[in-house]
Amino acid sequence: MKKRPKFAIIYAPLIRQHLRVIAPKYYTLIRDAIELHLSTEPDVETRNRAPLKRPGIFGATWKIRFGPDNRFRVLYKINMEAHQVGILAIGEKDGERLMIGGEEIES
C-alpha cells in the first residue's frame, strides 16, 4: 500500500482571533487534532469529519469535530493540487450554538 504524502496545514490570519475566545488550555489539543487528522487524508469522510452540504462560512468545504464532547469545530478547505489544507475557522459548539471568534454562526 502506497503511503500518501502529508498535506501542508495553512492557517488563515483570522484564526488568531478565533482562538482568543477559546481557553488557552485547549490550544495544544486543537493543534494536535488538526495535525493528526488533517495532515493525511483530509478528504476522507469519517464519523467526525465530513464535507459540508454547501460551502460554509469563510468558504469552507469540510468540517471536523473533536475534543471533550466534540465541542470544537474546524472548518477547512482542501487544495489537492498544492497538497494543502487551509484552516479557515476554529470554533466551539455549545449545544446548538456554534461560536467562532466570539460570534454565533449559523451552522
C-alpha atoms as a PDB file:
ATOM      1  CA  MET A   1       0.000   0.000   0.000  1.00  0.00           C
ATOM      2  CA  LYS A   2       1.434   3.324  -1.071  1.00  0.00           C
ATOM      3  CA  LYS A   3       1.660   5.948   1.658  1.00  0.00           C
ATOM      4  CA  ARG A   4       0.213   9.340   0.720  1.00  0.00           C
ATOM      5  CA  PRO A   5       2.432  12.377   1.277  1.00  0.00           C
ATOM      6  CA  LYS A   6       1.460  14.748   4.067  1.00  0.00           C
ATOM      7  CA  PHE A   7      -0.616  17.822   3.409  1.00  0.00           C
ATOM      8  CA  ALA A   8       0.717  21.224   4.442  1.00  0.00           C
ATOM      9  CA  ILE A   9      -1.532  22.907   7.012  1.00  0.00           C
ATOM     10  CA  ILE A  10      -2.088  26.607   6.249  1.00  0.00           C
ATOM     11  CA  TYR A  11      -3.854  28.764   8.853  1.00  0.00           C
ATOM     12  CA  ALA A  12      -5.905  31.771   7.771  1.00  0.00           C
ATOM     13  CA  PRO A  13      -4.910  35.025   9.527  1.00  0.00           C
ATOM     14  CA  LEU A  14      -8.318  35.185  11.275  1.00  0.00           C
ATOM     15  CA  ILE A  15      -7.540  32.020  13.244  1.00  0.00           C
ATOM     16  CA  ARG A  16      -5.728  34.072  15.905  1.00  0.00           C
ATOM     17  CA  GLN A  17      -8.949  35.977  16.594  1.00  0.00           C
ATOM     18  CA  HIS A  18     -10.913  32.742  16.740  1.00  0.00           C
ATOM     19  CA  LEU A  19      -8.523  31.288  19.313  1.00  0.00           C
ATOM     20  CA  ARG A  20      -8.653  34.345  21.586  1.00  0.00           C
ATOM     21  CA  VAL A  21     -12.098  33.333  22.853  1.00  0.00           C
ATOM     22  CA  ILE A  22     -11.110  29.695  23.465  1.00  0.00           C
ATOM     23  CA  ALA A  23      -9.432  28.796  26.755  1.00  0.00           C
ATOM     24  CA  PRO A  24      -5.644  28.552  26.224  1.00  0.00           C
ATOM     25  CA  LYS A  25      -5.580  25.139  27.907  1.00  0.00           C
ATOM     26  CA  TYR A  26      -7.164  23.746  24.699  1.00  0.00           C
ATOM     27  CA  TYR A  27      -4.623  25.175  22.237  1.00  0.00           C
ATOM     28  CA  THR A  28      -2.396  22.089  22.267  1.00  0.00           C
ATOM     29  CA  LEU A  29      -5.394  19.791  21.859  1.00  0.00           C
ATOM     30  CA  ILE A  30      -6.608  21.830  18.874  1.00  0.00           C
ATOM     31  CA  ARG A  31      -3.198  21.965  17.192  1.00  0.00           C
ATOM     32  CA  ASP A  32      -2.566  18.252  17.744  1.00  0.00           C
ATOM     33  CA  ALA A  33      -6.008  17.250  16.435  1.00  0.00           C
ATOM     34  CA  ILE A  34      -5.558  19.345  13.303  1.00  0.00           C
ATOM     35  CA  GLU A  35      -2.132  17.832  12.640  1.00  0.00           C
ATOM     36  CA  LEU A  36      -3.276  14.270  13.364  1.00  0.00           C
ATOM     37  CA  HIS A  37      -6.498  14.294  11.366  1.00  0.00           C
ATOM     38  CA  LEU A  38      -5.826  16.709   8.524  1.00  0.00           C
ATOM     39  CA  SER A  39      -2.173  16.254   7.569  1.00  0.00           C
ATOM     40  CA  THR A  40      -3.004  12.903   5.947  1.00  0.00           C
ATOM     41  CA  GLU A  41      -6.219  12.071   4.110  1.00  0.00           C
ATOM     42  CA  PRO A  42      -8.150  15.270   4.918  1.00  0.00           C
ATOM     43  CA  ASP A  43     -10.589  14.317   2.156  1.00  0.00           C
ATOM     44  CA  VAL A  44     -11.681  11.019   3.704  1.00  0.00           C
ATOM     45  CA  GLU A  45     -15.077  11.157   5.375  1.00  0.00           C
ATOM     46  CA  THR A  46     -15.230   9.716   8.897  1.00  0.00           C
ATOM     47  CA  ARG A  47     -17.640   9.841  11.791  1.00  0.00           C
ATOM     48  CA  ASN A  48     -16.203  13.193  12.932  1.00  0.00           C
ATOM     49  CA  ARG A  49     -15.002  14.579   9.589  1.00  0.00           C
ATOM     50  CA  ALA A  50     -17.373  15.377   6.745  1.00  0.00           C
ATOM     51  CA  PRO A  51     -17.798  17.516   3.666  1.00  0.00           C
ATOM     52  CA  LEU A  52     -20.245  20.370   4.099  1.00  0.00           C
ATOM     53  CA  LYS A  53     -23.510  20.043   2.182  1.00  0.00           C
ATOM     54  CA  ARG A  54     -22.961  23.546   0.813  1.00  0.00           C
ATOM     55  CA  PRO A  55     -19.913  25.814   1.088  1.00  0.00           C
ATOM     56  CA  GLY A  56     -19.809  27.157   4.602  1.00  0.00           C
ATOM     57  CA  ILE A  57     -18.753  30.351   6.221  1.00  0.00           C
ATOM     58  CA  PHE A  58     -15.296  31.565   5.159  1.00  0.00           C
ATOM     59  CA  GLY A  59     -15.585  29.370   2.025  1.00  0.00           C
ATOM     60  CA  ALA A  60     -15.034  26.125   3.929  1.00  0.00           C
ATOM     61  CA  THR A  61     -15.973  22.871   2.235  1.00  0.00           C
ATOM     62  CA  TRP A  62     -15.167  20.421   5.069  1.00  0.00           C
ATOM     63  CA  LYS A  63     -15.527  20.299   8.850  1.00  0.00           C
ATOM     64  CA  ILE A  64     -14.071  18.204  11.617  1.00  0.00           C
ATOM     65  CA  ARG A  65     -15.215  17.920  15.222  1.00  0.00           C
ATOM     66  CA  PHE A  66     -13.153  16.790  18.198  1.00  0.00           C
ATOM     67  CA  GLY A  67     -12.341  17.433  21.842  1.00  0.00           C
ATOM     68  CA  PRO A  68     -14.361  16.937  25.019  1.00  0.00           C
ATOM     69  CA  ASP A  69     -17.949  16.190  23.960  1.00  0.00           C
ATOM     70  CA  ASN A  70     -16.884  17.009  20.371  1.00  0.00           C
ATOM     71  CA  ARG A  71     -17.086  20.669  21.315  1.00  0.00           C
ATOM     72  CA  PHE A  72     -14.535  22.013  18.823  1.00  0.00           C
ATOM     73  CA  ARG A  73     -15.119  22.551  15.124  1.00  0.00           C
ATOM     74  CA  VAL A  74     -12.545  23.275  12.463  1.00  0.00           C
ATOM     75  CA  LEU A  75     -13.776  24.429   9.076  1.00  0.00           C
ATOM     76  CA  TYR A  76     -11.334  23.888   6.251  1.00  0.00           C
ATOM     77  CA  LYS A  77     -10.779  23.714   2.512  1.00  0.00           C
ATOM     78  CA  ILE A  78      -8.563  21.257   0.646  1.00  0.00           C
ATOM     79  CA  ASN A  79      -6.325  22.162  -2.284  1.00  0.00           C
ATOM     80  CA  MET A  80      -5.438  18.771  -3.745  1.00  0.00           C
ATOM     81  CA  GLU A  81      -3.145  20.185  -6.448  1.00  0.00           C
ATOM     82  CA  ALA A  82      -0.991  22.113  -3.966  1.00  0.00           C
ATOM     83  CA  HIS A  83      -1.379  19.364  -1.333  1.00  0.00           C
ATOM     84  CA  GLN A  84      -2.568  21.902   1.259  1.00  0.00           C
ATOM     85  CA  VAL A  85      -5.320  22.132   3.832  1.00  0.00           C
ATOM     86  CA  GLY A  86      -6.471  25.663   4.570  1.00  0.00           C
ATOM     87  CA  ILE A  87      -7.784  26.099   8.108  1.00  0.00           C
ATOM     88  CA  LEU A  88     -10.431  28.799   7.728  1.00  0.00           C
ATOM     89  CA  ALA A  89     -12.204  28.819  11.095  1.00  0.00           C
ATOM     90  CA  ILE A  90     -11.939  27.289  14.558  1.00  0.00           C
ATOM     91  CA  GLY A  91     -14.947  27.392  16.822  1.00  0.00           C
ATOM     92  CA  GLU A  92     -16.624  25.930  19.837  1.00  0.00           C
ATOM     93  CA  LYS A  93     -20.040  24.278  19.828  1.00  0.00           C
ATOM     94  CA  ASP A  94     -22.271  24.749  22.862  1.00  0.00           C
ATOM     95  CA  GLY A  95     -25.468  22.788  22.411  1.00  0.00           C
ATOM     96  CA  GLU A  96     -26.915  24.024  19.128  1.00  0.00           C
ATOM     97  CA  ARG A  97     -24.774  27.190  19.054  1.00  0.00           C
ATOM     98  CA  LEU A  98     -21.532  27.378  17.102  1.00  0.00           C
ATOM     99  CA  MET A  99     -19.328  30.213  18.325  1.00  0.00           C
ATOM    100  CA  ILE A 100     -16.437  31.405  16.149  1.00  0.00           C
ATOM    101  CA  GLY A 101     -14.403  34.366  17.334  1.00  0.00           C
ATOM    102  CA  GLY A 102     -16.996  35.212  19.966  1.00  0.00           C
ATOM    103  CA  GLU A 103     -19.862  35.391  17.462  1.00  0.00           C
ATOM    104  CA  GLU A 104     -22.651  32.893  16.940  1.00  0.00           C
ATOM    105  CA  ILE A 105     -22.549  31.374  13.464  1.00  0.00           C
ATOM    106  CA  GLU A 106     -25.461  29.747  11.666  1.00  0.00           C
ATOM    107  CA  SER A 107     -24.421  26.142  11.138  1.00  0.00           C
END
